[in-house]
Amino acid sequence: MAPAAHTGGGLQFENAIAQRRLELAGKPGIAGLVSNGKTFSIAVFASLGGLVYGYNQGMFGQILSMNNFAKASGVTGIDNPTLSGFLTSILELGAWVGVLANGILADALGRKLCVVVACVLFCIGVIVQACTHGGSYDYILGGRFVTGIGVGSLSMIVPLYNAELAPPEIRGSLVALQQLAITFGIMISYWITYGTNFIGGTGDGQSKAAWLVPITIQLVPALVLGFGIMFMPQSPRWLMNQGREEECRDIIANLRRLPIDAPLVEMEYLEVKAQRLFEERISQRDFPQYQDGSFSSNFQLGLRGYASLLTNRGNFRRTAVAVLVMTFQQWTGVNFILYYAPFIFQRLGLSGKTISLLASGVVGIVMFLATIPAVLYVDQWGRKPTLIAGAIVMGLCHFIVAGIIGTCESNWDAHRAAGWAAVVFIWIFAIGFGFSWGPCAWIVVAEVFPLGLRAKGVSIGASSNWLNNFAVAMSTPDFVTAASYGVYIFLGMMCVIGALYIYFLTPETKGRTLDEMDELFGDKSGRSQADAAILEQCMREVGLLDVAGIEKGSPKHEVEESEYAHGEKGTAHHTA
């Protein structure tokens, strides 16, 4: 490889390093998942956090329509839309608290321990909900709020953990596993509640087990995750933040199934190390008064870190992307469909609670199946095309359903076929969300922030998700009551605006390393000349420029791409 030009400093070197690493790395898509089988397996396990979130999300809307649950909680379905909206959305309020707290705890405790804390809180909330009796919904309010804290924490920490374990060529796929797990949880919750709805009959004689079984069964995956995560590897990037450099290198080699001195391992390790050194130098330059290592100084640095998400131009752009992408994700109306599907289908002329629950189950199936291609191919498709295509599909479905309702709602008995057509378009909407905004929104948020601000930045993006989720769950029952088809027109317009925002104002992040994102979010030169000089010096000090073959003109420890990126991964000596 020819030496990179030295004009322009750190950015030119970053581009050359990225190119060198891509020459050594494996392919994206299915081939990349196979060649990184160990990392993929760990990410699958960690995504149990998404499963418990998705299950809880789908389950509650179903039990709201059960007779015995109405007696135990004092909530009669959606007849009181404001109360039903608050009982549903209180979980989102707790989740908002959880993600904000996790922005600090994820750096202080580490990613793994945060998962354990989240699972404990989740289980406490579920147990409180299971105690519901006597026509009091206080147990539901309190339990869902505490459960929400755990769910919110998991929604932030699992994509972060998966992103920090993954090599660039499969990072999108591993982060998308979170959404696949969520949709799988939604799917099984629909069918479990559909089955338990028949325990003791569907009328006044319905058994308490009809809703108690779906509530308590979610303890199983939460306990498995909380216990099993302690046996998983720690995030290499968090270890680097803690100064545990050798552990960081060992885990990278072990995850990639390569020798510890393989060029690909050495480059990834040195990239993380150089980025960490760069952020320390910037912190020393900008906040010299907070460098004594005390609790007070570290707390001040944390606050300054949050503040820099708004005051620094490049970081503000990252924050705006994370917040707005999550805002548009929620206002596609997906959780309006998921939370209130049985009642939506009843309003479309489907007679009987059993039929509406069955139609809701199909929503879970098609959304889960649609998410699978995103996991396999999102690193080939790119983020922007996928998000734009999904927004167009969902917007069209909303507008068509609005037209059907506006035309036929006065007499559904005479328009049975039209009612089923509206149901089909809601299923198509679920497909559109499943392959696009479901996984890709979380991918973008997990990718855009720099190492030192990543946990805080992801927590801000996730908090936007939960606040908007709360707003959707709280407002849409009353919205539907006031304007049955107007709500679909509004949500369709939000999909259109979301597509325009992605097209014009969101950069493509496909194929970028987590530690190269600042190039996309700064000014035209990427960062100031002073920062570029500091970055270049950091890369030189840790030996990254030498290993990448940039300064000396030839790669250090040259190996054939096929030896390390493909054929001999499985036989390489493993360290750690």
Protein backbone atom coordinates (compact mmCIF):
# COMPACT_ATOMS: atom_id res chain seq x y z
CA MET A 1 0.00 0.00 0.00
CA ALA A 2 1.34 3.41 -0.90
CA PRO A 3 1.88 5.89 1.87
CA ALA A 4 -1.04 8.19 2.49
CA ALA A 5 -0.65 11.89 1.87
CA HIS A 6 0.17 13.79 5.02
CA THR A 7 -1.77 16.87 4.09
CA GLY A 8 -5.03 17.02 6.00
CA GLY A 9 -3.75 15.07 8.99
CA GLY A 10 -5.82 12.50 10.80
CA LEU A 11 -8.72 12.21 8.36
CA GLN A 12 -6.58 11.03 5.44
CA PHE A 13 -4.92 8.47 7.69
CA GLU A 14 -8.30 7.26 8.96
CA ASN A 15 -9.51 6.65 5.42
CA ALA A 16 -6.34 4.74 4.55
CA ILE A 17 -6.64 2.65 7.72
CA ALA A 18 -10.28 1.86 6.96
CA GLN A 19 -9.32 0.69 3.47
CA ARG A 20 -6.53 -1.51 4.80
CA ARG A 21 -8.79 -3.12 7.37
CA LEU A 22 -11.45 -3.84 4.74
CA GLU A 23 -8.80 -5.64 2.69
CA LEU A 24 -8.15 -7.97 5.61
CA ALA A 25 -11.72 -8.35 6.89
CA GLY A 26 -14.29 -10.87 5.77
CA LYS A 27 -17.38 -10.19 3.71
CA PRO A 28 -20.65 -8.78 5.12
CA GLY A 29 -23.99 -10.60 5.13
CA ILE A 30 -24.33 -14.33 5.74
CA ALA A 31 -20.65 -15.03 4.96
CA GLY A 32 -19.60 -12.48 7.56
CA LEU A 33 -21.91 -13.96 10.20
CA VAL A 34 -20.55 -17.46 9.54
CA SER A 35 -16.91 -16.37 9.69
CA ASN A 36 -17.61 -14.49 12.94
CA GLY A 37 -19.67 -17.29 14.44
CA LYS A 38 -18.55 -16.77 18.03
CA THR A 39 -19.40 -13.07 18.05
CA PHE A 40 -22.71 -13.85 16.37
CA SER A 41 -23.60 -16.47 19.01
CA ILE A 42 -22.86 -14.07 21.88
CA ALA A 43 -24.96 -11.37 20.23
CA VAL A 44 -27.86 -13.80 19.82
CA PHE A 45 -27.76 -14.57 23.54
CA ALA A 46 -27.50 -10.90 24.54
CA SER A 47 -30.53 -10.16 22.37
CA LEU A 48 -32.71 -11.96 24.91
CA GLY A 49 -32.99 -8.41 26.24
CA GLY A 50 -34.92 -7.51 23.11
CA LEU A 51 -37.09 -10.60 23.48
CA VAL A 52 -38.29 -9.67 26.97
CA TYR A 53 -39.02 -6.14 25.78
CA GLY A 54 -40.93 -7.32 22.72
CA TYR A 55 -42.87 -9.92 24.69
CA ASN A 56 -43.95 -7.36 27.28
CA GLN A 57 -44.85 -4.92 24.52
CA GLY A 58 -47.11 -7.36 22.71
CA MET A 59 -48.53 -9.15 25.74
CA PHE A 60 -50.14 -6.22 27.58
CA GLY A 61 -52.36 -5.10 24.72
CA GLN A 62 -53.72 -8.65 24.48
CA ILE A 63 -54.53 -9.15 28.17
CA LEU A 64 -56.29 -5.75 28.24
CA SER A 65 -59.10 -7.40 26.25
CA MET A 66 -59.48 -10.38 28.65
CA ASN A 67 -62.56 -10.52 30.90
CA ASN A 68 -60.82 -11.81 34.01
CA PHE A 69 -58.05 -9.22 33.76
CA ALA A 70 -60.71 -6.50 33.61
CA LYS A 71 -62.18 -7.80 36.86
CA ALA A 72 -58.82 -8.12 38.62
CA SER A 73 -57.46 -4.73 37.55
CA GLY A 74 -60.62 -2.65 37.23
CA VAL A 75 -59.76 -1.84 33.59
CA THR A 76 -62.44 -2.61 31.01
CA GLY A 77 -60.43 -2.89 27.82
CA ILE A 78 -60.24 0.33 25.91
CA ASP A 79 -63.68 1.63 26.91
CA ASN A 80 -61.85 4.32 28.90
CA PRO A 81 -59.20 5.32 26.34
CA THR A 82 -57.36 7.75 28.61
CA LEU A 83 -56.94 5.22 31.43
CA SER A 84 -55.99 2.41 29.06
CA GLY A 85 -53.49 4.72 27.39
CA PHE A 86 -51.90 5.63 30.72
CA LEU A 87 -51.70 2.03 31.93
CA THR A 88 -50.03 1.06 28.65
CA SER A 89 -47.69 4.03 28.44
CA ILE A 90 -46.49 4.03 32.07
CA LEU A 91 -43.96 1.38 31.02
CA GLU A 92 -42.49 3.84 28.50
CA LEU A 93 -42.16 6.47 31.22
CA GLY A 94 -40.17 4.03 33.35
CA ALA A 95 -38.09 3.06 30.32
CA TRP A 96 -37.19 6.70 29.76
CA VAL A 97 -35.80 6.84 33.31
CA GLY A 98 -33.93 3.59 32.69
CA VAL A 99 -32.12 4.70 29.56
CA LEU A 100 -31.05 8.03 31.05
CA ALA A 101 -29.66 6.35 34.17
CA ASN A 102 -27.91 3.78 32.00
CA GLY A 103 -25.98 6.48 30.18
CA ILE A 104 -23.92 6.89 33.35
CA LEU A 105 -24.14 3.33 34.74
CA ALA A 106 -22.98 1.70 31.49
CA ASP A 107 -19.65 3.50 31.76
CA ALA A 108 -19.32 3.14 35.54
CA LEU A 109 -20.40 -0.52 35.97
CA GLY A 110 -19.70 -1.94 32.55
CA ARG A 111 -22.11 -3.32 29.96
CA LYS A 112 -22.52 -6.76 31.55
CA LEU A 113 -23.34 -5.63 35.08
CA CYS A 114 -25.86 -3.13 33.70
CA VAL A 115 -27.66 -6.03 32.03
CA VAL A 116 -27.86 -7.83 35.39
CA VAL A 117 -29.29 -4.75 37.15
CA ALA A 118 -31.84 -4.29 34.36
CA CYS A 119 -32.97 -7.93 34.60
CA VAL A 120 -33.44 -7.67 38.38
CA LEU A 121 -35.61 -4.55 38.02
CA PHE A 122 -37.59 -6.18 35.22
CA CYS A 123 -38.35 -9.24 37.37
CA ILE A 124 -39.43 -7.12 40.34
CA GLY A 125 -41.87 -5.23 38.14
CA VAL A 126 -43.32 -8.43 36.67
CA ILE A 127 -43.88 -9.92 40.15
CA VAL A 128 -45.73 -6.77 41.25
CA GLN A 129 -48.00 -6.96 38.19
CA ALA A 130 -48.72 -10.61 38.90
CA CYS A 131 -50.10 -9.59 42.33
CA THR A 132 -52.95 -7.62 40.72
CA HIS A 133 -56.30 -8.33 42.42
CA GLY A 134 -59.43 -6.76 43.85
CA GLY A 135 -60.22 -4.49 40.93
CA SER A 136 -57.21 -2.23 41.62
CA TYR A 137 -54.94 -1.15 38.79
CA ASP A 138 -52.32 0.26 41.19
CA TYR A 139 -50.33 -2.98 40.89
CA ILE A 140 -50.28 -2.58 37.12
CA LEU A 141 -49.18 1.05 37.34
CA GLY A 142 -46.38 0.40 39.82
CA GLY A 143 -45.26 -2.88 38.29
CA ARG A 144 -45.17 -1.61 34.72
CA PHE A 145 -43.20 1.48 35.75
CA VAL A 146 -40.50 -0.65 37.44
CA THR A 147 -40.55 -3.15 34.58
CA GLY A 148 -40.15 -0.19 32.24
CA ILE A 149 -36.93 0.89 33.97
CA GLY A 150 -35.48 -2.55 33.28
CA VAL A 151 -36.80 -2.69 29.71
CA GLY A 152 -35.47 0.78 28.93
CA SER A 153 -32.05 -0.12 30.27
CA LEU A 154 -31.97 -3.30 28.17
CA SER A 155 -33.11 -1.41 25.07
CA MET A 156 -30.02 0.78 25.36
CA ILE A 157 -27.37 -1.60 26.66
CA VAL A 158 -27.96 -4.61 24.36
CA PRO A 159 -27.46 -2.77 21.03
CA LEU A 160 -24.49 -0.97 22.57
CA TYR A 161 -22.93 -4.24 23.74
CA ASN A 162 -23.52 -5.95 20.39
CA ALA A 163 -22.11 -2.97 18.46
CA GLU A 164 -18.95 -2.91 20.57
CA LEU A 165 -18.35 -6.64 20.12
CA ALA A 166 -18.90 -6.65 16.36
CA PRO A 167 -16.41 -6.08 13.53
CA PRO A 168 -17.50 -3.36 11.07
CA GLU A 169 -18.53 -5.75 8.29
CA ILE A 170 -21.32 -7.37 10.39
CA ARG A 171 -22.03 -4.66 12.95
CA GLY A 172 -25.35 -3.69 11.41
CA SER A 173 -26.51 -7.31 11.37
CA LEU A 174 -25.63 -7.87 15.03
CA VAL A 175 -27.31 -4.67 16.17
CA ALA A 176 -30.35 -5.62 14.06
CA LEU A 177 -30.59 -8.81 16.14
CA GLN A 178 -32.08 -6.62 18.87
CA GLN A 179 -35.04 -5.80 16.65
CA LEU A 180 -35.34 -9.40 15.47
CA ALA A 181 -35.51 -10.48 19.11
CA ILE A 182 -38.11 -7.79 19.83
CA THR A 183 -40.32 -8.92 16.96
CA PHE A 184 -39.90 -12.57 18.00
CA GLY A 185 -41.00 -11.60 21.51
CA ILE A 186 -44.02 -9.77 20.09
CA MET A 187 -44.93 -12.74 17.92
CA ILE A 188 -44.82 -15.34 20.69
CA SER A 189 -46.66 -13.01 23.10
CA TYR A 190 -49.58 -12.75 20.67
CA TRP A 191 -49.89 -16.51 20.28
CA ILE A 192 -49.33 -17.32 23.96
CA THR A 193 -52.08 -14.89 24.96
CA TYR A 194 -54.28 -16.19 22.15
CA GLY A 195 -53.96 -19.67 23.67
CA THR A 196 -54.28 -18.72 27.35
CA ASN A 197 -57.36 -16.61 26.53
CA PHE A 198 -59.31 -19.89 26.40
CA ILE A 199 -58.36 -21.02 29.94
CA GLY A 200 -61.69 -21.26 31.75
CA GLY A 201 -63.50 -19.90 28.69
CA THR A 202 -63.57 -16.42 27.20
CA GLY A 203 -66.60 -15.18 29.14
CA ASP A 204 -67.32 -14.43 32.79
CA GLY A 205 -65.94 -17.81 33.88
CA GLN A 206 -62.48 -17.10 32.48
CA SER A 207 -59.65 -18.23 34.79
CA LYS A 208 -57.12 -15.89 36.37
CA ALA A 209 -54.47 -18.03 34.71
CA ALA A 210 -55.58 -16.63 31.34
CA TRP A 211 -53.62 -13.43 32.04
CA LEU A 212 -51.38 -14.55 34.91
CA VAL A 213 -49.51 -17.12 32.79
CA PRO A 214 -48.57 -14.61 30.04
CA ILE A 215 -47.39 -12.10 32.65
CA THR A 216 -45.23 -14.47 34.71
CA ILE A 217 -43.72 -16.52 31.87
CA GLN A 218 -41.56 -13.55 30.85
CA LEU A 219 -39.52 -14.07 34.01
CA VAL A 220 -37.82 -17.06 32.36
CA PRO A 221 -35.85 -15.28 29.62
CA ALA A 222 -35.05 -12.39 31.96
CA LEU A 223 -33.51 -14.73 34.54
CA VAL A 224 -31.59 -16.66 31.86
CA LEU A 225 -30.17 -13.42 30.47
CA GLY A 226 -29.26 -11.95 33.86
CA PHE A 227 -27.42 -15.11 34.91
CA GLY A 228 -25.88 -16.03 31.57
CA ILE A 229 -24.48 -12.60 30.69
CA MET A 230 -21.92 -12.98 33.49
CA PHE A 231 -20.26 -15.73 31.43
CA MET A 232 -20.05 -13.61 28.27
CA PRO A 233 -16.98 -11.49 27.37
CA GLN A 234 -16.78 -7.88 28.46
CA SER A 235 -16.96 -5.16 25.81
CA PRO A 236 -13.43 -4.55 24.43
CA ARG A 237 -14.10 -0.85 24.12
CA TRP A 238 -15.27 -0.58 27.72
CA LEU A 239 -12.13 -2.43 28.85
CA MET A 240 -10.03 0.10 26.94
CA ASN A 241 -11.87 2.90 28.71
CA GLN A 242 -10.94 1.28 32.03
CA GLY A 243 -7.25 0.97 31.09
CA ARG A 244 -7.42 -2.85 30.83
CA GLU A 245 -5.62 -2.94 27.50
CA GLU A 246 -4.34 -6.52 27.44
CA GLU A 247 -7.79 -7.87 28.25
CA CYS A 248 -9.15 -5.73 25.42
CA ARG A 249 -6.65 -7.21 22.94
CA ASP A 250 -7.24 -10.77 24.14
CA ILE A 251 -11.02 -10.47 23.77
CA ILE A 252 -10.75 -8.99 20.26
CA ALA A 253 -8.54 -11.91 19.19
CA ASN A 254 -10.85 -14.43 20.81
CA LEU A 255 -13.97 -12.92 19.26
CA ARG A 256 -12.40 -12.80 15.80
CA ARG A 257 -10.95 -16.32 16.19
CA LEU A 258 -7.50 -15.06 15.19
CA PRO A 259 -4.02 -15.11 16.75
CA ILE A 260 -3.34 -12.16 18.99
CA ASP A 261 -0.68 -10.85 16.58
CA ALA A 262 -2.84 -11.11 13.44
CA PRO A 263 -2.84 -7.80 11.51
CA LEU A 264 -6.64 -7.52 11.66
CA VAL A 265 -6.66 -7.97 15.44
CA GLU A 266 -3.75 -5.58 15.90
CA MET A 267 -5.36 -2.90 13.72
CA GLU A 268 -8.73 -3.10 15.49
CA TYR A 269 -7.05 -3.00 18.88
CA LEU A 270 -4.85 -0.04 17.96
CA GLU A 271 -7.79 1.85 16.43
CA VAL A 272 -9.65 1.59 19.73
CA LYS A 273 -6.53 2.53 21.66
CA ALA A 274 -5.76 5.52 19.43
CA GLN A 275 -9.33 6.80 19.68
CA ARG A 276 -9.27 6.47 23.46
CA LEU A 277 -5.93 8.30 23.67
CA PHE A 278 -7.27 11.01 21.37
CA GLU A 279 -10.32 11.58 23.60
CA GLU A 280 -8.11 11.72 26.71
CA ARG A 281 -5.92 14.36 25.04
CA ILE A 282 -8.97 16.38 24.03
CA SER A 283 -10.35 16.13 27.59
CA GLN A 284 -7.02 17.28 29.01
CA ARG A 285 -6.94 20.19 26.60
CA ASP A 286 -10.57 21.28 27.10
CA PHE A 287 -11.03 20.49 30.82
CA PRO A 288 -7.62 20.58 32.52
CA GLN A 289 -9.28 21.39 35.85
CA TYR A 290 -11.02 17.97 36.00
CA GLN A 291 -8.08 15.60 35.48
CA ASP A 292 -7.28 14.58 39.07
CA GLY A 293 -9.33 11.34 38.89
CA SER A 294 -11.56 12.19 41.86
CA PHE A 295 -15.26 11.33 41.97
CA SER A 296 -16.16 15.00 41.75
CA SER A 297 -13.97 15.56 38.69
CA ASN A 298 -15.24 12.45 36.96
CA PHE A 299 -18.81 13.53 37.67
CA GLN A 300 -18.07 16.94 36.18
CA LEU A 301 -16.51 15.32 33.12
CA GLY A 302 -19.66 13.22 32.73
CA LEU A 303 -21.85 16.31 32.85
CA ARG A 304 -19.57 18.08 30.42
CA GLY A 305 -19.83 15.05 28.17
CA TYR A 306 -23.62 15.32 28.09
CA ALA A 307 -23.32 19.06 27.53
CA SER A 308 -20.95 18.52 24.60
CA LEU A 309 -23.68 16.51 22.87
CA LEU A 310 -25.44 19.85 22.46
CA THR A 311 -22.68 22.46 22.44
CA ASN A 312 -20.22 20.79 20.04
CA ARG A 313 -21.35 21.17 16.41
CA GLY A 314 -20.40 17.68 15.29
CA ASN A 315 -21.82 16.04 18.40
CA PHE A 316 -25.03 18.06 18.10
CA ARG A 317 -25.53 16.67 14.61
CA ARG A 318 -25.07 13.13 15.94
CA THR A 319 -27.53 13.81 18.76
CA ALA A 320 -30.06 15.33 16.37
CA VAL A 321 -29.85 12.28 14.11
CA ALA A 322 -30.29 9.87 17.04
CA VAL A 323 -33.21 11.81 18.55
CA LEU A 324 -35.07 12.44 15.29
CA VAL A 325 -34.59 8.95 13.87
CA MET A 326 -36.13 7.53 17.04
CA THR A 327 -38.89 10.14 16.96
CA PHE A 328 -39.88 9.16 13.43
CA GLN A 329 -39.59 5.47 14.30
CA GLN A 330 -42.26 5.79 16.96
CA TRP A 331 -44.52 8.10 14.95
CA THR A 332 -44.69 5.60 12.12
CA GLY A 333 -47.44 4.28 14.41
CA VAL A 334 -45.90 0.89 15.03
CA ASN A 335 -46.67 0.81 18.73
CA PHE A 336 -50.17 2.12 18.11
CA ILE A 337 -50.64 -1.09 16.10
CA LEU A 338 -48.81 -3.37 18.55
CA TYR A 339 -50.41 -2.08 21.76
CA TYR A 340 -53.98 -1.82 20.53
CA ALA A 341 -54.13 -4.35 17.68
CA PRO A 342 -57.15 -6.31 19.05
CA PHE A 343 -59.19 -3.14 19.43
CA ILE A 344 -58.05 -1.78 16.04
CA PHE A 345 -59.21 -4.95 14.30
CA GLN A 346 -62.53 -4.88 16.15
CA ARG A 347 -63.06 -1.34 14.84
CA LEU A 348 -62.38 -2.62 11.32
CA GLY A 349 -65.41 -4.88 11.55
CA LEU A 350 -63.82 -8.12 12.80
CA SER A 351 -66.47 -9.58 15.07
CA GLY A 352 -65.46 -11.17 18.36
CA LYS A 353 -62.39 -10.84 20.54
CA THR A 354 -61.03 -14.22 19.43
CA ILE A 355 -60.90 -13.19 15.75
CA SER A 356 -59.23 -9.87 16.61
CA LEU A 357 -56.62 -11.65 18.75
CA LEU A 358 -55.98 -14.06 15.87
CA ALA A 359 -55.46 -11.16 13.44
CA SER A 360 -53.08 -9.59 15.96
CA GLY A 361 -51.07 -12.81 15.99
CA VAL A 362 -50.52 -12.49 12.25
CA VAL A 363 -49.02 -9.02 12.85
CA GLY A 364 -46.40 -10.62 15.07
CA ILE A 365 -45.57 -13.34 12.54
CA VAL A 366 -45.15 -11.11 9.49
CA MET A 367 -43.13 -8.51 11.41
CA PHE A 368 -40.76 -11.18 12.72
CA LEU A 369 -40.29 -12.76 9.29
CA ALA A 370 -39.68 -9.36 7.69
CA THR A 371 -36.93 -8.59 10.19
CA ILE A 372 -34.86 -11.64 9.21
CA PRO A 373 -33.69 -10.25 5.82
CA ALA A 374 -32.61 -7.05 7.58
CA VAL A 375 -30.35 -9.02 9.93
CA LEU A 376 -28.77 -10.85 6.99
CA TYR A 377 -28.44 -8.05 4.44
CA VAL A 378 -28.62 -4.62 6.11
CA ASP A 379 -24.84 -4.29 5.87
CA GLN A 380 -25.18 -4.68 2.11
CA TRP A 381 -28.32 -2.60 1.56
CA GLY A 382 -27.20 0.41 3.56
CA ARG A 383 -29.14 2.28 6.23
CA LYS A 384 -30.63 5.14 4.17
CA PRO A 385 -32.20 3.13 1.31
CA THR A 386 -33.73 0.69 3.80
CA LEU A 387 -35.23 3.43 5.99
CA ILE A 388 -36.61 5.38 3.02
CA ALA A 389 -38.19 2.29 1.43
CA GLY A 390 -39.78 1.26 4.73
CA ALA A 391 -41.21 4.74 5.35
CA ILE A 392 -42.81 4.79 1.88
CA VAL A 393 -44.40 1.36 2.37
CA MET A 394 -45.77 2.25 5.81
CA GLY A 395 -47.04 5.66 4.71
CA LEU A 396 -48.94 4.16 1.77
CA CYS A 397 -50.53 1.57 4.07
CA HIS A 398 -51.70 4.28 6.50
CA PHE A 399 -53.27 6.33 3.70
CA ILE A 400 -55.06 3.30 2.21
CA VAL A 401 -56.44 2.21 5.61
CA ALA A 402 -57.62 5.80 6.24
CA GLY A 403 -59.46 5.76 2.91
CA ILE A 404 -61.13 2.43 3.67
CA ILE A 405 -62.25 3.54 7.14
CA GLY A 406 -63.52 6.90 5.90
CA THR A 407 -65.58 5.15 3.22
CA CYS A 408 -66.88 2.11 5.06
CA GLU A 409 -66.94 2.68 8.83
CA SER A 410 -70.61 3.65 8.90
CA ASN A 411 -71.63 0.11 7.92
CA TRP A 412 -68.96 -2.55 8.28
CA ASP A 413 -71.53 -5.34 7.96
CA ALA A 414 -72.07 -4.31 4.35
CA HIS A 415 -68.32 -3.97 3.69
CA ARG A 416 -66.77 -7.12 5.13
CA ALA A 417 -64.29 -7.43 2.27
CA ALA A 418 -63.16 -3.82 2.72
CA GLY A 419 -62.60 -4.47 6.42
CA TRP A 420 -60.39 -7.45 5.67
CA ALA A 421 -58.55 -5.41 3.04
CA ALA A 422 -57.72 -2.85 5.74
CA VAL A 423 -56.48 -5.68 7.96
CA VAL A 424 -54.20 -6.91 5.16
CA PHE A 425 -52.70 -3.44 4.74
CA ILE A 426 -51.98 -3.32 8.47
CA TRP A 427 -50.14 -6.62 8.02
CA ILE A 428 -48.20 -5.07 5.11
CA PHE A 429 -47.42 -2.10 7.35
CA ALA A 430 -45.92 -4.54 9.88
CA ILE A 431 -43.75 -6.02 7.11
CA GLY A 432 -42.57 -2.54 6.12
CA PHE A 433 -41.58 -1.72 9.67
CA GLY A 434 -39.98 -5.10 10.29
CA PHE A 435 -37.35 -4.84 7.53
CA SER A 436 -36.62 -1.13 7.90
CA TRP A 437 -37.27 1.21 10.81
CA GLY A 438 -37.40 -1.58 13.38
CA PRO A 439 -33.76 -2.67 13.09
CA CYS A 440 -32.18 0.24 11.20
CA ALA A 441 -33.17 2.98 13.66
CA TRP A 442 -31.31 1.17 16.45
CA ILE A 443 -28.35 0.52 14.14
CA VAL A 444 -27.96 4.22 13.32
CA VAL A 445 -28.17 5.26 16.98
CA ALA A 446 -25.60 2.64 17.98
CA GLU A 447 -23.19 3.69 15.24
CA VAL A 448 -23.05 7.48 15.24
CA PHE A 449 -21.41 8.40 18.55
CA PRO A 450 -17.66 8.46 19.38
CA LEU A 451 -16.17 6.11 21.96
CA GLY A 452 -16.03 8.53 24.87
CA LEU A 453 -19.64 9.68 24.41
CA ARG A 454 -21.16 6.48 23.08
CA ALA A 455 -23.02 5.32 26.19
CA LYS A 456 -24.35 8.80 26.89
CA GLY A 457 -25.29 9.40 23.26
CA VAL A 458 -27.09 6.07 22.87
CA SER A 459 -28.98 6.76 26.11
CA ILE A 460 -30.19 10.09 24.68
CA GLY A 461 -31.31 8.41 21.46
CA ALA A 462 -33.05 5.62 23.36
CA SER A 463 -34.71 8.12 25.69
CA SER A 464 -36.16 9.84 22.61
CA ASN A 465 -37.55 6.48 21.57
CA TRP A 466 -39.23 5.94 24.92
CA LEU A 467 -40.59 9.48 25.32
CA ASN A 468 -42.16 9.28 21.88
CA ASN A 469 -43.34 5.76 22.62
CA PHE A 470 -45.05 7.16 25.73
CA ALA A 471 -46.65 9.93 23.68
CA VAL A 472 -47.94 7.46 21.07
CA ALA A 473 -49.35 5.03 23.64
CA MET A 474 -50.95 7.84 25.65
CA SER A 475 -52.48 9.83 22.82
CA THR A 476 -53.62 7.37 20.17
CA PRO A 477 -56.59 5.80 22.04
CA ASP A 478 -58.19 9.24 22.43
CA PHE A 479 -57.08 10.14 18.88
CA VAL A 480 -58.88 7.10 17.45
CA THR A 481 -62.01 7.90 19.44
CA ALA A 482 -62.04 11.48 18.14
CA ALA A 483 -60.97 10.81 14.53
CA SER A 484 -61.07 7.16 13.53
CA TYR A 485 -59.42 7.61 10.13
CA GLY A 486 -57.66 10.91 10.83
CA VAL A 487 -55.12 9.13 13.01
CA TYR A 488 -53.98 7.07 10.01
CA ILE A 489 -53.63 10.17 7.84
CA PHE A 490 -51.51 11.81 10.54
CA LEU A 491 -49.27 8.75 10.95
CA GLY A 492 -48.93 8.42 7.17
CA MET A 493 -47.73 12.03 6.95
CA MET A 494 -45.17 11.33 9.68
CA CYS A 495 -43.84 8.46 7.56
CA VAL A 496 -43.48 10.81 4.59
CA ILE A 497 -41.66 13.44 6.67
CA GLY A 498 -39.42 10.72 8.09
CA ALA A 499 -38.45 9.55 4.59
CA LEU A 500 -37.60 13.12 3.58
CA TYR A 501 -35.50 13.62 6.71
CA ILE A 502 -33.49 10.47 6.04
CA TYR A 503 -32.97 11.37 2.38
CA PHE A 504 -31.83 14.95 2.87
CA LEU A 505 -30.37 15.20 6.39
CA THR A 506 -29.10 11.78 7.53
CA PRO A 507 -25.66 10.52 6.38
CA GLU A 508 -25.09 6.91 5.35
CA THR A 509 -23.12 5.07 8.06
CA LYS A 510 -22.77 1.66 6.36
CA GLY A 511 -19.25 0.24 6.45
CA ARG A 512 -17.82 2.85 8.81
CA THR A 513 -16.05 1.80 11.99
CA LEU A 514 -17.46 3.12 15.22
CA ASP A 515 -14.24 5.08 15.71
CA GLU A 516 -14.40 6.81 12.32
CA MET A 517 -17.88 8.31 12.53
CA ASP A 518 -16.70 11.78 13.43
CA GLU A 519 -15.71 12.31 9.78
CA LEU A 520 -19.39 12.21 8.82
CA PHE A 521 -20.65 14.56 11.52
CA GLY A 522 -18.11 17.36 11.70
CA ASP A 523 -17.47 20.25 9.33
CA LYS A 524 -16.23 19.69 5.78
CA SER A 525 -12.68 19.04 6.95
CA GLY A 526 -13.94 16.49 9.47
CA ARG A 527 -12.49 18.23 12.55
CA SER A 528 -10.37 21.24 13.31
CA GLN A 529 -6.73 21.25 12.26
CA ALA A 530 -5.70 21.10 15.91
CA ASP A 531 -7.84 18.03 16.58
CA ALA A 532 -6.62 16.39 13.37
CA ALA A 533 -3.02 16.91 14.44
CA ILE A 534 -3.74 15.38 17.86
CA LEU A 535 -5.44 12.37 16.27
CA GLU A 536 -2.55 11.83 13.87
CA GLN A 537 -0.09 11.95 16.74
CA CYS A 538 -2.17 9.46 18.75
CA MET A 539 -2.29 7.01 15.83
CA ARG A 540 1.46 7.35 15.40
CA GLU A 541 2.19 6.89 19.12
CA VAL A 542 0.23 3.64 19.43
CA GLY A 543 1.80 2.24 16.24
CA LEU A 544 -1.37 2.15 14.15
CA LEU A 545 0.17 3.92 11.16
CA ASP A 546 3.04 1.43 11.12
CA VAL A 547 0.80 -1.64 11.39
CA ALA A 548 -1.47 -0.34 8.62
CA GLY A 549 1.55 0.12 6.36
CA ILE A 550 0.89 3.83 5.85
CA GLU A 551 4.06 5.57 6.98
CA LYS A 552 6.60 2.93 5.98
CA GLY A 553 4.92 2.14 2.69
CA SER A 554 4.40 -1.57 3.33
CA PRO A 555 2.12 -3.41 5.78
CA LYS A 556 3.67 -4.77 8.93
CA HIS A 557 3.38 -8.55 9.38
CA GLU A 558 1.90 -8.94 5.89
CA VAL A 559 -0.34 -11.98 5.47
CA GLU A 560 -2.60 -13.18 2.76
CA GLU A 561 -6.21 -12.07 3.21
CA SER A 562 -7.47 -15.63 2.79
CA GLU A 563 -5.26 -16.93 5.60
CA TYR A 564 -6.71 -14.77 8.36
CA ALA A 565 -10.02 -13.48 7.04
CA HIS A 566 -11.31 -16.76 5.69
CA GLY A 567 -9.84 -20.27 5.64
CA GLU A 568 -7.67 -20.54 8.76
CA LYS A 569 -9.86 -18.70 11.26
CA GLY A 570 -11.09 -21.90 12.76
CA THR A 571 -7.59 -23.36 13.23
CA ALA A 572 -5.91 -20.23 14.56
CA HIS A 573 -4.51 -20.28 18.07
CA HIS A 574 -6.95 -18.55 20.39
CA THR A 575 -5.88 -16.25 23.14
CA ALA A 576 -8.08 -15.47 26.17
